[in-house]
Amino acid sequence: MNPCLLIWMQFALCVALIGLAGVRLIRCGDAIAALTGLSRSWVGLILIATVTSLPELVTGLSAVTIAASPDMAVGDALGSTVFNLAILAFVDVFYRKNALYCAASHGHLLSAGFGVILLAAAALVLLLTHQGILPSIGHVSWGSVVILMLYALAMRAMYLAEQRHPAPIDAEPPAMSLKAALTGYALASMVIVGSGIWLPLIGVELARLMGWSNSFVGTLFVAFATSVPELATTWGAVRIEAIDMAIANLLGSNLFDVLILAIDDLAYRPGSLYAQVSPIHAVSALSACLMTGAVVVALAYRLVSRVLRIGSWASIALLALYLLNAVLQFLHGK
């Protein structure tokens, strides 16, 4: 069989496995939350966002330990943040029952604001490291320590905000028992972990066969594959009119994706992860930062109108920035 065709078939299979397992993971996670009495809004922002980011975490760790491709790891984490915001734009385009940013709660402004801070911090860490300004503690960059502290601060602030304004809990019991939910959750997690280990190996071979850079493949193709759970979950949430859960999942996933950079740096033994990757990844971080800023403005302004009946100007800006980032990664990635 043609090697190129074979590697694309493996990539498609990996995407399918992550997508199917991601949908099952979300259903079981939501049932666990309902059966244990947790707030569904908190679950959407923290629990669901974390588990749908599990492929990025496993893929990143696999990339820096097994595949020895730090560019693939960073490209996947930051590329996923850009892709998640592009998903939000597509939701706005296809959701016709109401104006998306008008229907969403103002509560998302807090997670979006922290997203801007974390993404800007990631870009700054990458740029300062390549200038030789940012020191390390052993093989771990001080930048990773800052990212860990900012993430902890964000989680603390959002927890306190949730306690002050708790969301109503759905009284309708889930269709599965707690034991069934836990079993399904564990099985889906194992499928995602296995696929996440396999994915960067496919990505490295894909880059070699196609003559593309690891940063480009990681930012676009691997990031797309590991964002399939977010895509599936968001689409499912929109279908049942759970707009706030969809947006909370995407914004929460972006926070966790930035945290993954620090985790990957801890796992990368040869030295600081940021010193071994292309500085072009800072473009992805800044693109996601600008995109999140557009979401903040759209949520605060409560956009209603559509440009040419397609989507709001914020969503068109999100798609334009996504395409710009893709072009820059293709032209200047290594």
Protein backbone atom coordinates (compact mmCIF):
# COMPACT_ATOMS: atom_id res chain seq x y z
CA MET A 1 0.00 0.00 0.00
CA ASN A 2 1.12 3.55 -0.72
CA PRO A 3 2.90 4.86 2.45
CA CYS A 4 1.14 8.25 2.20
CA LEU A 5 -2.29 6.62 1.93
CA LEU A 6 -1.49 4.30 4.84
CA ILE A 7 -0.43 7.13 7.15
CA TRP A 8 -3.54 9.17 6.26
CA MET A 9 -5.71 6.11 7.01
CA GLN A 10 -4.01 5.76 10.40
CA PHE A 11 -4.58 9.45 11.08
CA ALA A 12 -8.29 9.13 10.18
CA LEU A 13 -8.65 6.08 12.42
CA CYS A 14 -7.01 7.92 15.31
CA VAL A 15 -9.38 10.89 14.83
CA ALA A 16 -12.40 8.54 14.79
CA LEU A 17 -11.30 6.76 17.98
CA ILE A 18 -10.74 10.03 19.85
CA GLY A 19 -14.07 11.41 18.62
CA LEU A 20 -16.14 8.38 19.63
CA ALA A 21 -14.39 8.00 22.98
CA GLY A 22 -14.70 11.75 23.61
CA VAL A 23 -18.49 11.69 23.17
CA ARG A 24 -18.78 8.71 25.53
CA LEU A 25 -16.47 10.36 28.03
CA ILE A 26 -18.62 13.48 28.14
CA ARG A 27 -21.86 11.56 28.62
CA CYS A 28 -20.40 9.52 31.46
CA GLY A 29 -18.74 12.55 33.03
CA ASP A 30 -22.00 14.48 32.97
CA ALA A 31 -23.82 11.52 34.55
CA ILE A 32 -21.19 11.29 37.30
CA ALA A 33 -21.64 14.99 38.00
CA ALA A 34 -25.43 14.67 38.21
CA LEU A 35 -25.26 11.59 40.44
CA THR A 36 -22.78 13.22 42.82
CA GLY A 37 -24.64 16.55 42.97
CA LEU A 38 -22.03 18.74 41.30
CA SER A 39 -23.06 21.93 39.50
CA ARG A 40 -23.46 21.36 35.76
CA SER A 41 -22.04 24.78 34.92
CA TRP A 42 -18.95 24.00 37.00
CA VAL A 43 -18.74 20.61 35.29
CA GLY A 44 -18.85 22.26 31.87
CA LEU A 45 -16.02 24.64 32.71
CA ILE A 46 -13.75 22.34 34.71
CA LEU A 47 -14.60 18.63 34.48
CA ILE A 48 -15.78 18.46 30.87
CA ALA A 49 -13.14 20.92 29.64
CA THR A 50 -10.41 18.92 31.38
CA VAL A 51 -11.45 15.53 30.05
CA THR A 52 -11.92 16.79 26.50
CA SER A 53 -8.37 18.15 26.73
CA LEU A 54 -7.07 14.73 27.76
CA PRO A 55 -5.95 13.92 24.17
CA GLU A 56 -3.80 17.08 24.10
CA LEU A 57 -2.22 16.13 27.43
CA VAL A 58 -1.45 12.54 26.44
CA THR A 59 -0.31 13.56 22.95
CA GLY A 60 2.00 16.23 24.35
CA LEU A 61 3.58 13.86 26.86
CA SER A 62 3.97 11.22 24.18
CA ALA A 63 5.52 13.76 21.79
CA VAL A 64 8.21 14.90 24.27
CA THR A 65 9.01 11.46 25.71
CA ILE A 66 8.43 8.87 22.96
CA ALA A 67 8.44 10.75 19.65
CA ALA A 68 11.13 13.26 20.77
CA SER A 69 9.25 16.04 18.97
CA PRO A 70 8.81 19.10 21.21
CA ASP A 71 7.53 21.13 18.24
CA MET A 72 4.70 18.61 17.83
CA ALA A 73 3.78 18.96 21.52
CA VAL A 74 3.75 22.77 21.60
CA GLY A 75 2.07 22.96 18.20
CA ASP A 76 -0.68 20.63 19.39
CA ALA A 77 -1.34 22.51 22.65
CA LEU A 78 -1.38 26.02 21.17
CA GLY A 79 -2.93 24.92 17.87
CA SER A 80 -5.80 23.39 19.85
CA THR A 81 -6.52 26.74 21.52
CA VAL A 82 -6.83 28.37 18.09
CA PHE A 83 -8.97 25.51 16.74
CA ASN A 84 -11.29 25.58 19.78
CA LEU A 85 -12.06 29.24 19.16
CA ALA A 86 -12.64 28.50 15.47
CA ILE A 87 -15.22 25.92 16.63
CA LEU A 88 -16.99 28.75 18.45
CA ALA A 89 -17.14 30.71 15.20
CA PHE A 90 -18.67 27.76 13.34
CA VAL A 91 -21.26 27.36 16.11
CA ASP A 92 -22.26 31.00 15.61
CA VAL A 93 -22.56 30.47 11.85
CA PHE A 94 -24.74 27.35 12.08
CA TYR A 95 -26.75 28.23 15.19
CA ARG A 96 -29.76 30.09 13.77
CA LYS A 97 -32.26 30.06 16.63
CA ASN A 98 -30.70 33.03 18.40
CA ALA A 99 -27.64 35.27 18.41
CA LEU A 100 -24.95 33.10 20.05
CA TYR A 101 -23.15 35.82 22.01
CA CYS A 102 -26.47 37.30 23.13
CA ALA A 103 -27.77 33.93 24.35
CA ALA A 104 -24.60 33.19 26.34
CA SER A 105 -24.14 34.12 29.99
CA HIS A 106 -21.91 36.99 31.08
CA GLY A 107 -20.22 34.52 33.42
CA HIS A 108 -17.96 33.39 30.58
CA LEU A 109 -16.14 36.72 30.67
CA LEU A 110 -14.09 35.54 33.66
CA SER A 111 -12.79 32.37 31.99
CA ALA A 112 -12.21 34.24 28.71
CA GLY A 113 -10.29 36.95 30.55
CA PHE A 114 -8.03 34.39 32.22
CA GLY A 115 -7.61 32.77 28.80
CA VAL A 116 -6.18 36.04 27.45
CA ILE A 117 -3.78 36.26 30.40
CA LEU A 118 -2.53 32.65 30.10
CA LEU A 119 -2.13 32.78 26.32
CA ALA A 120 -0.24 36.08 26.51
CA ALA A 121 1.97 34.58 29.22
CA ALA A 122 2.71 31.56 26.99
CA ALA A 123 3.70 33.81 24.09
CA LEU A 124 5.92 35.88 26.39
CA VAL A 125 7.61 32.76 27.77
CA LEU A 126 8.40 31.51 24.26
CA LEU A 127 9.81 34.85 23.10
CA LEU A 128 11.85 35.53 26.25
CA THR A 129 13.29 32.02 26.23
CA HIS A 130 14.54 32.43 22.65
CA GLN A 131 16.13 35.73 23.67
CA GLY A 132 17.99 33.93 26.46
CA ILE A 133 16.34 36.10 29.12
CA LEU A 134 14.23 33.51 30.98
CA PRO A 135 16.23 31.21 33.31
CA SER A 136 15.44 27.63 34.28
CA ILE A 137 15.31 25.55 37.43
CA GLY A 138 17.23 22.49 36.28
CA HIS A 139 15.50 21.46 33.07
CA VAL A 140 12.25 23.31 33.93
CA SER A 141 11.71 26.90 32.78
CA TRP A 142 10.57 29.58 35.21
CA GLY A 143 7.91 30.27 32.60
CA SER A 144 6.27 26.94 33.43
CA VAL A 145 6.16 27.90 37.10
CA VAL A 146 4.40 31.15 36.17
CA ILE A 147 1.89 29.29 33.97
CA LEU A 148 1.14 26.81 36.78
CA MET A 149 0.56 29.67 39.23
CA LEU A 150 -1.68 31.56 36.82
CA TYR A 151 -3.75 28.44 36.12
CA ALA A 152 -4.17 27.79 39.85
CA LEU A 153 -5.23 31.43 40.34
CA ALA A 154 -7.76 31.11 37.51
CA MET A 155 -9.27 27.94 38.97
CA ARG A 156 -9.49 29.55 42.42
CA ALA A 157 -11.15 32.69 41.09
CA MET A 158 -13.69 30.78 39.00
CA TYR A 159 -14.49 28.47 41.92
CA LEU A 160 -15.19 31.46 44.18
CA ALA A 161 -17.30 33.05 41.44
CA GLU A 162 -19.28 29.81 41.12
CA GLN A 163 -19.85 29.72 44.88
CA ARG A 164 -21.17 33.29 44.88
CA HIS A 165 -23.50 32.65 41.94
CA PRO A 166 -24.28 28.92 41.86
CA ALA A 167 -26.00 27.58 38.76
CA PRO A 168 -29.28 25.68 39.15
CA ILE A 169 -28.87 21.90 39.17
CA ASP A 170 -31.00 19.83 36.83
CA ALA A 171 -33.23 17.60 38.94
CA GLU A 172 -33.78 15.05 36.16
CA PRO A 173 -31.82 11.87 37.03
CA PRO A 174 -29.39 10.47 34.44
CA ALA A 175 -30.25 7.32 32.50
CA MET A 176 -27.24 5.35 33.83
CA SER A 177 -26.14 4.28 37.29
CA LEU A 178 -23.02 5.65 38.98
CA LYS A 179 -21.23 2.31 38.47
CA ALA A 180 -22.04 2.28 34.75
CA ALA A 181 -20.96 5.91 34.42
CA LEU A 182 -17.64 5.25 36.17
CA THR A 183 -17.00 2.16 34.03
CA GLY A 184 -17.78 3.98 30.79
CA TYR A 185 -15.67 6.94 31.89
CA ALA A 186 -12.67 4.67 32.58
CA LEU A 187 -12.97 2.77 29.28
CA ALA A 188 -13.31 5.95 27.23
CA SER A 189 -10.32 7.44 29.02
CA MET A 190 -8.19 4.40 28.14
CA VAL A 191 -9.13 4.69 24.45
CA ILE A 192 -8.21 8.39 24.45
CA VAL A 193 -4.92 7.75 26.25
CA GLY A 194 -3.95 5.00 23.79
CA SER A 195 -4.89 7.15 20.79
CA GLY A 196 -3.03 10.09 22.28
CA ILE A 197 0.17 8.04 22.56
CA TRP A 198 -0.19 6.88 18.96
CA LEU A 199 -1.09 10.27 17.47
CA PRO A 200 2.29 12.12 17.66
CA LEU A 201 4.05 9.12 16.11
CA ILE A 202 1.62 9.38 13.20
CA GLY A 203 2.20 13.13 13.09
CA VAL A 204 5.99 12.80 12.85
CA GLU A 205 5.69 10.25 10.03
CA LEU A 206 3.07 12.38 8.26
CA ALA A 207 5.39 15.41 8.39
CA ARG A 208 8.26 13.33 6.97
CA LEU A 209 6.25 11.82 4.11
CA MET A 210 4.56 15.08 3.13
CA GLY A 211 7.69 17.22 3.56
CA TRP A 212 5.93 19.47 6.08
CA SER A 213 7.32 20.93 9.32
CA ASN A 214 6.54 19.34 12.68
CA SER A 215 5.21 22.67 13.96
CA PHE A 216 2.78 22.95 11.01
CA VAL A 217 1.55 19.34 11.36
CA GLY A 218 1.21 19.72 15.13
CA THR A 219 -0.61 23.05 14.92
CA LEU A 220 -3.11 22.00 12.25
CA PHE A 221 -3.53 18.24 11.90
CA VAL A 222 -2.63 16.91 15.35
CA ALA A 223 -4.41 19.84 17.02
CA PHE A 224 -7.50 19.08 14.92
CA ALA A 225 -7.43 15.41 15.92
CA THR A 226 -7.04 16.11 19.63
CA SER A 227 -9.80 18.75 19.47
CA VAL A 228 -12.34 16.28 18.09
CA PRO A 229 -13.82 15.69 21.61
CA GLU A 230 -14.39 19.45 21.99
CA LEU A 231 -16.00 19.53 18.54
CA ALA A 232 -18.28 16.57 19.28
CA THR A 233 -19.21 17.87 22.73
CA THR A 234 -19.91 21.38 21.51
CA TRP A 235 -22.11 20.15 18.69
CA GLY A 236 -24.03 17.92 21.09
CA ALA A 237 -24.51 20.79 23.55
CA VAL A 238 -25.79 23.12 20.82
CA ARG A 239 -28.28 20.49 19.64
CA ILE A 240 -29.87 20.42 23.09
CA GLU A 241 -29.72 24.25 23.42
CA ALA A 242 -27.01 24.08 26.11
CA ILE A 243 -25.15 27.11 24.77
CA ASP A 244 -23.47 27.99 28.05
CA MET A 245 -22.10 24.46 28.45
CA ALA A 246 -20.70 24.57 24.90
CA ILE A 247 -18.92 27.89 25.42
CA ALA A 248 -17.71 26.94 28.92
CA ASN A 249 -16.22 23.73 27.52
CA LEU A 250 -14.27 25.54 24.78
CA LEU A 251 -12.96 28.34 27.00
CA GLY A 252 -12.12 25.94 29.82
CA SER A 253 -10.30 23.64 27.40
CA ASN A 254 -8.12 26.54 26.30
CA LEU A 255 -7.07 27.22 29.88
CA PHE A 256 -6.09 23.58 30.33
CA ASP A 257 -4.27 23.50 26.97
CA VAL A 258 -1.95 26.29 28.14
CA LEU A 259 -1.35 24.36 31.37
CA ILE A 260 -0.28 21.39 29.22
CA LEU A 261 2.73 23.43 28.05
CA ALA A 262 4.02 23.53 31.63
CA ILE A 263 3.34 19.80 32.11
CA ASP A 264 5.18 18.98 28.87
CA ASP A 265 8.11 21.12 30.04
CA LEU A 266 8.27 19.13 33.27
CA ALA A 267 8.32 15.87 31.30
CA TYR A 268 10.93 17.04 28.74
CA ARG A 269 14.26 16.02 30.30
CA PRO A 270 16.87 17.41 27.82
CA GLY A 271 16.22 21.01 28.93
CA SER A 272 13.68 23.80 28.72
CA LEU A 273 10.96 22.81 26.25
CA TYR A 274 10.52 26.39 25.05
CA ALA A 275 14.19 26.65 24.00
CA GLN A 276 13.86 23.60 21.72
CA VAL A 277 10.86 24.71 19.67
CA SER A 278 10.32 27.19 16.86
CA PRO A 279 9.46 30.75 17.99
CA ILE A 280 6.66 30.67 15.38
CA HIS A 281 4.53 28.98 18.05
CA ALA A 282 4.26 32.39 19.71
CA VAL A 283 2.14 33.39 16.71
CA SER A 284 -0.39 30.68 17.64
CA ALA A 285 -0.49 31.92 21.24
CA LEU A 286 -0.96 35.53 20.15
CA SER A 287 -3.59 34.53 17.55
CA ALA A 288 -5.56 32.68 20.24
CA CYS A 289 -5.10 35.68 22.54
CA LEU A 290 -6.58 38.03 19.92
CA MET A 291 -9.38 35.58 19.20
CA THR A 292 -10.27 35.32 22.89
CA GLY A 293 -10.26 39.12 23.11
CA ALA A 294 -12.79 39.23 20.28
CA VAL A 295 -14.98 36.76 22.22
CA VAL A 296 -14.76 38.97 25.34
CA VAL A 297 -15.93 42.00 23.35
CA ALA A 298 -18.73 40.00 21.70
CA LEU A 299 -19.98 38.66 25.05
CA ALA A 300 -19.80 42.06 26.72
CA TYR A 301 -21.45 43.90 23.81
CA ARG A 302 -24.10 41.16 23.32
CA LEU A 303 -23.74 41.03 19.54
CA VAL A 304 -26.96 40.36 17.65
CA SER A 305 -26.40 41.38 14.02
CA ARG A 306 -24.81 39.12 11.37
CA VAL A 307 -22.47 40.21 8.60
CA LEU A 308 -24.04 39.21 5.24
CA ARG A 309 -26.35 36.93 7.28
CA ILE A 310 -23.42 34.58 7.90
CA GLY A 311 -22.17 35.31 11.41
CA SER A 312 -21.25 38.14 13.72
CA TRP A 313 -18.16 40.22 13.01
CA ALA A 314 -16.49 38.52 16.00
CA SER A 315 -16.92 35.05 14.47
CA ILE A 316 -15.65 36.24 11.08
CA ALA A 317 -12.62 37.69 12.88
CA LEU A 318 -12.08 34.32 14.63
CA LEU A 319 -12.08 32.45 11.31
CA ALA A 320 -9.79 35.03 9.66
CA LEU A 321 -7.26 34.78 12.50
CA TYR A 322 -7.39 30.97 12.38
CA LEU A 323 -6.59 30.98 8.66
CA LEU A 324 -3.85 33.59 9.12
CA ASN A 325 -2.21 31.48 11.80
CA ALA A 326 -2.39 28.38 9.57
CA VAL A 327 -0.70 30.20 6.70
CA LEU A 328 2.07 31.57 8.91
CA GLN A 329 2.72 28.15 10.44
CA PHE A 330 2.95 26.59 6.98
CA LEU A 331 5.31 29.26 5.62
CA HIS A 332 7.57 29.73 8.64
CA GLY A 333 7.32 26.57 10.74
CA LYS A 334 10.29 24.27 11.18
